[in-house]
Amino acid sequence: MENNKGLSLIELIVVIAIIAILSAGTVISIGLIFQSDVKECSHKLAGYIGQAKITTMSKVSGDLELYQDASDKDYYVTISSETTPYKIGNSGLTITCVTTLGNEIVISNTNTLKLKFDRSSGAFKYLEGTTDYCNQIKIQKKTKEISIYLIPETGKYYID
């Protein structure tokens, strides 16, 4: 009998299959990382929208401002009744406001989004300087996108 020290075809196929499975797992993990950033940002933003609405209805003003910081490119929210900005997302995200007229406003350090509420009804007010409402906020990172839909007449919102 000979002592063969080479690889058989079956052993080679098994090694290739193992490498393929590990590669697929890595690709899926990277996709989940992108998804978690977008999901976390959308839930934080929705929470602050609710907080601003409650503040407006119970106090004088709870206007919400969403902006991208010029220095670190991260996204922040401020509520007019508080002085602390809250970080909701990192610089890898893109946040866009879609208005009822179909205009898209990309949030940046020069284009901010100010959401205001009617104190008596809780409904959204027009965007500053327009007769238009923001009815969708899109949060994107690469191919992953989550939207927060705003209902101007009621001040309600939902994540989809």
N, C-alpha and C. Protein backbone atom coordinates (compact mmCIF):
# COMPACT_ATOMS: atom_id res chain seq x y z
N MET A 1 0.82 -1.18 0.00
CA MET A 1 0.00 0.00 0.00
C MET A 1 0.87 1.24 0.00
N GLU A 2 0.38 2.18 -0.73
CA GLU A 2 1.10 3.43 -0.80
C GLU A 2 0.59 4.39 0.28
N ASN A 3 1.45 5.27 0.71
CA ASN A 3 1.06 6.28 1.69
C ASN A 3 0.83 7.60 0.94
N ASN A 4 -0.44 7.89 0.59
CA ASN A 4 -0.76 9.11 -0.14
C ASN A 4 -0.88 10.28 0.84
N LYS A 5 -0.17 11.35 0.54
CA LYS A 5 -0.21 12.51 1.41
C LYS A 5 -0.90 13.70 0.76
N GLY A 6 -1.55 13.51 -0.37
CA GLY A 6 -2.25 14.58 -1.06
C GLY A 6 -3.71 14.68 -0.62
N LEU A 7 -4.41 15.68 -1.16
CA LEU A 7 -5.83 15.87 -0.86
C LEU A 7 -6.68 15.14 -1.87
N SER A 8 -7.72 14.54 -1.39
CA SER A 8 -8.67 13.93 -2.32
C SER A 8 -9.66 15.00 -2.79
N LEU A 9 -10.38 14.70 -3.84
CA LEU A 9 -11.36 15.63 -4.38
C LEU A 9 -12.45 15.92 -3.35
N ILE A 10 -12.86 14.95 -2.60
CA ILE A 10 -13.91 15.13 -1.59
C ILE A 10 -13.43 16.08 -0.49
N GLU A 11 -12.20 15.93 -0.05
CA GLU A 11 -11.66 16.83 0.98
C GLU A 11 -11.61 18.27 0.47
N LEU A 12 -11.23 18.44 -0.78
CA LEU A 12 -11.18 19.77 -1.38
C LEU A 12 -12.56 20.40 -1.46
N ILE A 13 -13.57 19.63 -1.84
CA ILE A 13 -14.94 20.13 -1.91
C ILE A 13 -15.45 20.53 -0.53
N VAL A 14 -15.14 19.75 0.49
CA VAL A 14 -15.56 20.07 1.86
C VAL A 14 -14.92 21.38 2.32
N VAL A 15 -13.64 21.58 2.04
CA VAL A 15 -12.96 22.82 2.44
C VAL A 15 -13.58 24.02 1.73
N ILE A 16 -13.86 23.90 0.44
CA ILE A 16 -14.48 25.00 -0.31
C ILE A 16 -15.87 25.30 0.24
N ALA A 17 -16.63 24.28 0.59
CA ALA A 17 -17.97 24.48 1.15
C ALA A 17 -17.90 25.22 2.49
N ILE A 18 -16.94 24.87 3.32
CA ILE A 18 -16.78 25.54 4.62
C ILE A 18 -16.43 27.01 4.41
N ILE A 19 -15.52 27.30 3.49
CA ILE A 19 -15.15 28.69 3.20
C ILE A 19 -16.35 29.47 2.69
N ALA A 20 -17.16 28.86 1.83
CA ALA A 20 -18.35 29.53 1.29
C ALA A 20 -19.35 29.85 2.39
N ILE A 21 -19.55 28.94 3.32
CA ILE A 21 -20.48 29.17 4.43
C ILE A 21 -19.99 30.30 5.32
N LEU A 22 -18.70 30.32 5.63
CA LEU A 22 -18.14 31.39 6.46
C LEU A 22 -18.23 32.75 5.75
N SER A 23 -17.99 32.77 4.45
CA SER A 23 -18.09 34.03 3.69
C SER A 23 -19.52 34.55 3.68
N ALA A 24 -20.48 33.67 3.49
CA ALA A 24 -21.89 34.08 3.49
C ALA A 24 -22.28 34.65 4.85
N GLY A 25 -21.80 34.04 5.91
CA GLY A 25 -22.08 34.55 7.26
C GLY A 25 -21.52 35.94 7.48
N THR A 26 -20.34 36.20 6.95
CA THR A 26 -19.72 37.52 7.06
C THR A 26 -20.53 38.57 6.31
N VAL A 27 -20.95 38.25 5.11
CA VAL A 27 -21.75 39.19 4.31
C VAL A 27 -23.06 39.51 5.01
N ILE A 28 -23.71 38.51 5.56
CA ILE A 28 -24.98 38.73 6.28
C ILE A 28 -24.74 39.60 7.51
N SER A 29 -23.65 39.37 8.22
CA SER A 29 -23.35 40.18 9.41
C SER A 29 -23.14 41.64 9.07
N ILE A 30 -22.45 41.91 7.97
CA ILE A 30 -22.23 43.29 7.55
C ILE A 30 -23.56 43.95 7.22
N GLY A 31 -24.45 43.24 6.55
CA GLY A 31 -25.78 43.77 6.23
C GLY A 31 -26.57 44.10 7.49
N LEU A 32 -26.46 43.26 8.50
CA LEU A 32 -27.17 43.51 9.76
C LEU A 32 -26.63 44.73 10.49
N ILE A 33 -25.34 45.01 10.33
CA ILE A 33 -24.76 46.20 10.96
C ILE A 33 -25.39 47.45 10.36
N PHE A 34 -25.50 47.50 9.02
CA PHE A 34 -26.13 48.65 8.36
C PHE A 34 -27.58 48.79 8.81
N GLN A 35 -28.28 47.67 8.89
CA GLN A 35 -29.69 47.69 9.26
C GLN A 35 -29.86 48.20 10.69
N SER A 36 -28.98 47.82 11.59
CA SER A 36 -29.14 48.23 12.98
C SER A 36 -28.94 49.74 13.16
N ASP A 37 -28.01 50.34 12.41
CA ASP A 37 -27.82 51.80 12.49
C ASP A 37 -29.07 52.54 12.06
N VAL A 38 -29.66 52.11 10.94
CA VAL A 38 -30.85 52.77 10.41
C VAL A 38 -32.03 52.57 11.36
N LYS A 39 -32.18 51.37 11.87
CA LYS A 39 -33.30 51.07 12.77
C LYS A 39 -33.18 51.86 14.07
N GLU A 40 -31.98 51.90 14.62
CA GLU A 40 -31.77 52.64 15.88
C GLU A 40 -32.06 54.12 15.69
N CYS A 41 -31.59 54.70 14.59
CA CYS A 41 -31.82 56.12 14.32
C CYS A 41 -33.31 56.41 14.16
N SER A 42 -34.02 55.56 13.43
CA SER A 42 -35.45 55.80 13.21
C SER A 42 -36.24 55.72 14.51
N HIS A 43 -35.90 54.79 15.37
CA HIS A 43 -36.62 54.67 16.64
C HIS A 43 -36.29 55.84 17.59
N LYS A 44 -35.03 56.27 17.60
CA LYS A 44 -34.68 57.43 18.42
C LYS A 44 -35.42 58.67 17.94
N LEU A 45 -35.42 58.90 16.61
CA LEU A 45 -36.08 60.08 16.06
C LEU A 45 -37.57 60.05 16.34
N ALA A 46 -38.20 58.90 16.17
CA ALA A 46 -39.64 58.78 16.45
C ALA A 46 -39.93 59.09 17.92
N GLY A 47 -39.07 58.62 18.80
CA GLY A 47 -39.25 58.92 20.22
C GLY A 47 -39.16 60.40 20.53
N TYR A 48 -38.22 61.08 19.89
CA TYR A 48 -38.08 62.52 20.11
C TYR A 48 -39.23 63.31 19.48
N ILE A 49 -39.78 62.82 18.37
CA ILE A 49 -40.96 63.47 17.79
C ILE A 49 -42.12 63.40 18.79
N GLY A 50 -42.32 62.23 19.38
CA GLY A 50 -43.37 62.07 20.39
C GLY A 50 -43.13 62.95 21.60
N GLN A 51 -41.88 63.04 22.03
CA GLN A 51 -41.54 63.89 23.18
C GLN A 51 -41.82 65.36 22.87
N ALA A 52 -41.47 65.79 21.67
CA ALA A 52 -41.71 67.19 21.28
C ALA A 52 -43.20 67.49 21.23
N LYS A 53 -43.99 66.55 20.75
CA LYS A 53 -45.44 66.76 20.68
C LYS A 53 -46.03 66.89 22.08
N ILE A 54 -45.64 66.00 22.97
CA ILE A 54 -46.14 66.03 24.35
C ILE A 54 -45.72 67.33 25.04
N THR A 55 -44.47 67.73 24.82
CA THR A 55 -43.98 68.98 25.41
C THR A 55 -44.78 70.17 24.92
N THR A 56 -45.06 70.21 23.62
CA THR A 56 -45.83 71.32 23.05
C THR A 56 -47.23 71.37 23.63
N MET A 57 -47.86 70.22 23.78
CA MET A 57 -49.24 70.20 24.26
C MET A 57 -49.34 70.48 25.76
N SER A 58 -48.25 70.29 26.49
CA SER A 58 -48.31 70.52 27.93
C SER A 58 -47.61 71.81 28.37
N LYS A 59 -46.73 72.33 27.53
CA LYS A 59 -46.00 73.56 27.86
C LYS A 59 -46.20 74.57 26.74
N VAL A 60 -45.30 75.53 26.68
CA VAL A 60 -45.41 76.58 25.67
C VAL A 60 -44.90 76.12 24.31
N SER A 61 -43.70 75.57 24.25
CA SER A 61 -43.12 75.23 22.95
C SER A 61 -42.24 74.00 23.07
N GLY A 62 -42.40 73.10 22.15
CA GLY A 62 -41.57 71.90 22.11
C GLY A 62 -41.14 71.60 20.70
N ASP A 63 -40.82 72.63 19.94
CA ASP A 63 -40.42 72.45 18.55
C ASP A 63 -39.19 71.54 18.46
N LEU A 64 -39.18 70.68 17.46
CA LEU A 64 -38.07 69.75 17.26
C LEU A 64 -37.26 70.21 16.07
N GLU A 65 -35.94 70.24 16.23
CA GLU A 65 -35.06 70.57 15.11
C GLU A 65 -34.10 69.41 14.88
N LEU A 66 -34.06 68.93 13.65
CA LEU A 66 -33.16 67.85 13.24
C LEU A 66 -32.10 68.46 12.34
N TYR A 67 -30.83 68.20 12.65
CA TYR A 67 -29.75 68.77 11.84
C TYR A 67 -28.53 67.85 11.85
N GLN A 68 -27.65 68.11 10.89
CA GLN A 68 -26.38 67.39 10.82
C GLN A 68 -25.29 68.34 11.29
N ASP A 69 -24.50 67.90 12.25
CA ASP A 69 -23.44 68.75 12.80
C ASP A 69 -22.36 68.98 11.74
N ALA A 70 -21.88 70.21 11.63
CA ALA A 70 -20.89 70.55 10.61
C ALA A 70 -19.54 69.90 10.87
N SER A 71 -19.18 69.69 12.14
CA SER A 71 -17.84 69.18 12.44
C SER A 71 -17.75 67.66 12.36
N ASP A 72 -18.64 66.93 12.99
CA ASP A 72 -18.52 65.46 12.99
C ASP A 72 -19.48 64.77 12.03
N LYS A 73 -20.36 65.52 11.37
CA LYS A 73 -21.33 65.01 10.38
C LYS A 73 -22.35 64.05 10.97
N ASP A 74 -22.44 63.95 12.30
CA ASP A 74 -23.46 63.14 12.95
C ASP A 74 -24.77 63.91 12.99
N TYR A 75 -25.88 63.18 13.17
CA TYR A 75 -27.20 63.81 13.21
C TYR A 75 -27.65 64.01 14.65
N TYR A 76 -28.23 65.18 14.91
CA TYR A 76 -28.68 65.54 16.25
C TYR A 76 -30.09 66.09 16.21
N VAL A 77 -30.77 65.98 17.35
CA VAL A 77 -32.10 66.54 17.53
C VAL A 77 -32.05 67.46 18.74
N THR A 78 -32.68 68.61 18.62
CA THR A 78 -32.88 69.47 19.78
C THR A 78 -34.37 69.76 19.90
N ILE A 79 -34.82 69.85 21.13
CA ILE A 79 -36.20 70.24 21.41
C ILE A 79 -36.11 71.60 22.08
N SER A 80 -36.89 72.56 21.58
CA SER A 80 -36.72 73.96 21.99
C SER A 80 -36.81 74.19 23.49
N SER A 81 -37.51 73.34 24.20
CA SER A 81 -37.63 73.53 25.64
C SER A 81 -36.40 73.04 26.40
N GLU A 82 -35.47 72.38 25.71
CA GLU A 82 -34.27 71.85 26.35
C GLU A 82 -33.04 72.40 25.65
N THR A 83 -31.92 72.40 26.34
CA THR A 83 -30.70 72.94 25.75
C THR A 83 -29.77 71.86 25.22
N THR A 84 -29.97 70.62 25.61
CA THR A 84 -29.08 69.54 25.23
C THR A 84 -29.45 68.96 23.87
N PRO A 85 -28.48 68.91 22.93
CA PRO A 85 -28.76 68.19 21.68
C PRO A 85 -28.60 66.69 21.91
N TYR A 86 -29.45 65.90 21.26
CA TYR A 86 -29.41 64.45 21.39
C TYR A 86 -28.91 63.85 20.09
N LYS A 87 -27.86 63.04 20.16
CA LYS A 87 -27.34 62.38 18.96
C LYS A 87 -28.26 61.22 18.61
N ILE A 88 -28.71 61.19 17.35
CA ILE A 88 -29.59 60.10 16.92
C ILE A 88 -28.98 59.23 15.84
N GLY A 89 -27.92 59.70 15.17
CA GLY A 89 -27.34 58.89 14.11
C GLY A 89 -25.95 59.35 13.74
N ASN A 90 -25.19 58.44 13.11
CA ASN A 90 -23.81 58.76 12.75
C ASN A 90 -23.71 59.30 11.33
N SER A 91 -22.50 59.63 10.95
CA SER A 91 -22.27 60.31 9.67
C SER A 91 -22.51 59.42 8.46
N GLY A 92 -22.60 58.12 8.62
CA GLY A 92 -22.83 57.22 7.49
C GLY A 92 -24.27 57.22 7.00
N LEU A 93 -25.15 57.87 7.73
CA LEU A 93 -26.57 57.89 7.37
C LEU A 93 -26.89 59.07 6.46
N THR A 94 -28.00 58.95 5.76
CA THR A 94 -28.58 60.07 5.01
C THR A 94 -30.03 60.20 5.45
N ILE A 95 -30.42 61.39 5.89
CA ILE A 95 -31.80 61.62 6.34
C ILE A 95 -32.43 62.65 5.42
N THR A 96 -33.61 62.31 4.91
CA THR A 96 -34.31 63.16 3.95
C THR A 96 -35.75 63.37 4.39
N CYS A 97 -36.24 64.60 4.25
CA CYS A 97 -37.64 64.92 4.50
C CYS A 97 -38.35 65.00 3.15
N VAL A 98 -39.45 64.27 3.01
CA VAL A 98 -40.28 64.34 1.81
C VAL A 98 -41.54 65.11 2.18
N THR A 99 -41.83 66.17 1.45
CA THR A 99 -42.97 67.02 1.76
C THR A 99 -44.23 66.52 1.05
N THR A 100 -45.36 67.08 1.43
CA THR A 100 -46.63 66.68 0.81
C THR A 100 -46.68 67.07 -0.66
N LEU A 101 -45.88 68.04 -1.08
CA LEU A 101 -45.82 68.42 -2.49
C LEU A 101 -44.79 67.61 -3.27
N GLY A 102 -44.11 66.67 -2.59
CA GLY A 102 -43.16 65.80 -3.25
C GLY A 102 -41.72 66.29 -3.26
N ASN A 103 -41.46 67.42 -2.64
CA ASN A 103 -40.08 67.93 -2.56
C ASN A 103 -39.29 67.10 -1.56
N GLU A 104 -38.01 66.86 -1.87
CA GLU A 104 -37.13 66.14 -0.96
C GLU A 104 -36.08 67.10 -0.42
N ILE A 105 -35.97 67.15 0.89
CA ILE A 105 -35.00 68.02 1.55
C ILE A 105 -34.01 67.12 2.29
N VAL A 106 -32.76 67.10 1.82
CA VAL A 106 -31.72 66.31 2.47
C VAL A 106 -31.23 67.11 3.67
N ILE A 107 -31.27 66.48 4.84
CA ILE A 107 -30.88 67.16 6.07
C ILE A 107 -29.35 67.29 6.11
N SER A 108 -28.88 68.49 6.38
CA SER A 108 -27.44 68.74 6.45
C SER A 108 -27.20 69.84 7.50
N ASN A 109 -25.97 70.34 7.54
CA ASN A 109 -25.72 71.42 8.49
C ASN A 109 -26.34 72.74 8.03
N THR A 110 -26.68 72.84 6.74
CA THR A 110 -27.35 74.05 6.24
C THR A 110 -28.84 73.85 6.04
N ASN A 111 -29.29 72.63 5.80
CA ASN A 111 -30.72 72.31 5.67
C ASN A 111 -31.18 71.56 6.90
N THR A 112 -31.85 72.24 7.79
CA THR A 112 -32.35 71.59 8.99
C THR A 112 -33.85 71.35 8.83
N LEU A 113 -34.38 70.45 9.63
CA LEU A 113 -35.81 70.17 9.63
C LEU A 113 -36.37 70.62 10.97
N LYS A 114 -37.35 71.52 10.93
CA LYS A 114 -38.00 71.99 12.15
C LYS A 114 -39.45 71.54 12.13
N LEU A 115 -39.78 70.66 13.06
CA LEU A 115 -41.16 70.19 13.19
C LEU A 115 -41.81 70.95 14.34
N LYS A 116 -42.96 71.53 14.04
CA LYS A 116 -43.72 72.27 15.06
C LYS A 116 -45.11 71.68 15.16
N PHE A 117 -45.68 71.77 16.35
CA PHE A 117 -46.99 71.20 16.60
C PHE A 117 -47.98 72.29 17.02
N ASP A 118 -49.24 72.08 16.68
CA ASP A 118 -50.32 72.95 17.14
C ASP A 118 -50.62 72.54 18.58
N ARG A 119 -50.58 73.48 19.48
CA ARG A 119 -50.75 73.16 20.90
C ARG A 119 -52.13 72.60 21.21
N SER A 120 -53.17 73.07 20.55
CA SER A 120 -54.53 72.63 20.89
C SER A 120 -54.87 71.25 20.32
N SER A 121 -54.38 70.93 19.12
CA SER A 121 -54.77 69.66 18.49
C SER A 121 -53.64 68.64 18.41
N GLY A 122 -52.40 69.09 18.51
CA GLY A 122 -51.26 68.19 18.36
C GLY A 122 -50.87 67.97 16.91
N ALA A 123 -51.58 68.60 15.98
CA ALA A 123 -51.28 68.44 14.55
C ALA A 123 -49.95 69.13 14.22
N PHE A 124 -49.32 68.66 13.14
CA PHE A 124 -48.10 69.32 12.68
C PHE A 124 -48.45 70.66 12.06
N LYS A 125 -47.56 71.62 12.22
CA LYS A 125 -47.70 72.91 11.55
C LYS A 125 -46.90 72.87 10.25
N TYR A 126 -47.16 73.86 9.38
CA TYR A 126 -46.40 73.95 8.14
C TYR A 126 -44.90 74.05 8.43
N LEU A 127 -44.09 73.56 7.49
CA LEU A 127 -42.65 73.77 7.59
C LEU A 127 -42.38 75.26 7.51
N GLU A 128 -41.34 75.70 8.18
CA GLU A 128 -41.03 77.13 8.27
C GLU A 128 -40.89 77.77 6.89
N GLY A 129 -41.63 78.86 6.68
CA GLY A 129 -41.53 79.61 5.44
C GLY A 129 -42.25 78.99 4.25
N THR A 130 -43.08 77.96 4.48
CA THR A 130 -43.79 77.30 3.38
C THR A 130 -45.25 77.08 3.76
N THR A 131 -46.00 76.57 2.80
CA THR A 131 -47.36 76.08 3.07
C THR A 131 -47.38 74.59 2.80
N ASP A 132 -46.35 73.91 3.26
CA ASP A 132 -46.14 72.49 2.99
C ASP A 132 -45.79 71.78 4.30
N TYR A 133 -46.16 70.52 4.37
CA TYR A 133 -45.84 69.69 5.54
C TYR A 133 -44.76 68.67 5.18
N CYS A 134 -44.04 68.22 6.18
CA CYS A 134 -43.17 67.05 6.01
C CYS A 134 -44.05 65.84 6.30
N ASN A 135 -44.20 64.94 5.32
CA ASN A 135 -45.04 63.78 5.59
C ASN A 135 -44.26 62.47 5.61
N GLN A 136 -42.94 62.54 5.36
CA GLN A 136 -42.12 61.34 5.43
C GLN A 136 -40.68 61.74 5.74
N ILE A 137 -40.06 61.00 6.65
CA ILE A 137 -38.64 61.18 6.92
C ILE A 137 -37.97 59.86 6.57
N LYS A 138 -37.08 59.89 5.57
CA LYS A 138 -36.37 58.69 5.13
C LYS A 138 -34.98 58.66 5.76
N ILE A 139 -34.64 57.51 6.34
CA ILE A 139 -33.33 57.32 6.93
C ILE A 139 -32.67 56.19 6.15
N GLN A 140 -31.50 56.47 5.56
CA GLN A 140 -30.85 55.51 4.68
C GLN A 140 -29.39 55.31 5.05
N LYS A 141 -28.93 54.09 4.80
CA LYS A 141 -27.50 53.77 4.85
C LYS A 141 -27.27 52.68 3.82
N LYS A 142 -26.51 53.02 2.81
CA LYS A 142 -26.28 52.12 1.66
C LYS A 142 -27.62 51.72 1.07
N THR A 143 -27.98 50.43 1.11
CA THR A 143 -29.23 49.98 0.50
C THR A 143 -30.37 49.86 1.50
N LYS A 144 -30.11 50.04 2.77
CA LYS A 144 -31.15 49.90 3.80
C LYS A 144 -31.85 51.23 4.00
N GLU A 145 -33.18 51.21 4.03
CA GLU A 145 -33.97 52.43 4.23
C GLU A 145 -35.16 52.14 5.13
N ILE A 146 -35.39 53.02 6.09
CA ILE A 146 -36.58 52.98 6.94
C ILE A 146 -37.20 54.37 6.90
N SER A 147 -38.52 54.42 6.84
CA SER A 147 -39.22 55.70 6.78
C SER A 147 -40.09 55.89 8.01
N ILE A 148 -40.16 57.14 8.45
CA ILE A 148 -41.12 57.55 9.46
C ILE A 148 -42.16 58.38 8.72
N TYR A 149 -43.39 57.91 8.73
CA TYR A 149 -44.48 58.62 8.05
C TYR A 149 -45.19 59.51 9.06
N LEU A 150 -45.35 60.78 8.69
CA LEU A 150 -45.99 61.77 9.55
C LEU A 150 -47.37 62.10 8.99
N ILE A 151 -48.36 62.16 9.86
CA ILE A 151 -49.72 62.49 9.44
C ILE A 151 -50.00 63.91 9.93
N PRO A 152 -49.93 64.89 9.00
CA PRO A 152 -50.00 66.31 9.40
C PRO A 152 -51.26 66.68 10.17
N GLU A 153 -52.41 66.14 9.79
CA GLU A 153 -53.67 66.54 10.41
C GLU A 153 -53.79 66.15 11.88
N THR A 154 -53.13 65.06 12.25
CA THR A 154 -53.28 64.55 13.62
C THR A 154 -52.01 64.66 14.46
N GLY A 155 -50.86 64.82 13.81
CA GLY A 155 -49.60 64.83 14.54
C GLY A 155 -49.11 63.43 14.88
N LYS A 156 -49.77 62.43 14.33
CA LYS A 156 -49.34 61.05 14.58
C LYS A 156 -48.26 60.67 13.57
N TYR A 157 -47.58 59.57 13.86
CA TYR A 157 -46.50 59.09 13.00
C TYR A 157 -46.35 57.59 13.19
N TYR A 158 -45.74 56.94 12.22
CA TYR A 158 -45.45 55.52 12.35
C TYR A 158 -44.21 55.18 11.54
N ILE A 159 -43.53 54.12 11.95
CA ILE A 159 -42.30 53.68 11.30
C ILE A 159 -42.63 52.53 10.37
N ASP A 160 -42.09 52.59 9.17
CA ASP A 160 -42.29 51.50 8.21
C ASP A 160 -40.98 51.17 7.53
